[in-house]
């Protein structure tokens, strides 16, 4: 991907997103789209993710997060620019991190 544009976004998903397989679904979806980063539950009931990759793939992942897995109810998705320091090693792919 040398020379290709990389977009990095910080995403917070609000709604019924705990206990519905959101993190595993996000990992599978991100890997299928070629998006790097991570996802984790937050104690406030939201799911947080950092997404990095080609702009079109990141946009597709954000749109997927607006729907979530079938058992989820997504009320809102907050999206902000993020720096590469939040992603970590992009070669590591996409990971599920512990709850914070």
Foldseek 3Di string as FASTA:
>chain_A
DPPADKFKKKKKWDFQQPPPCQQVQLQVLQVVLVWAAEWEAEPVNIIIIMTMDHPVSVVVSQVCSCVTDPVTDTDDMDMDGDDPVRRPDRVVGYYYDYYD
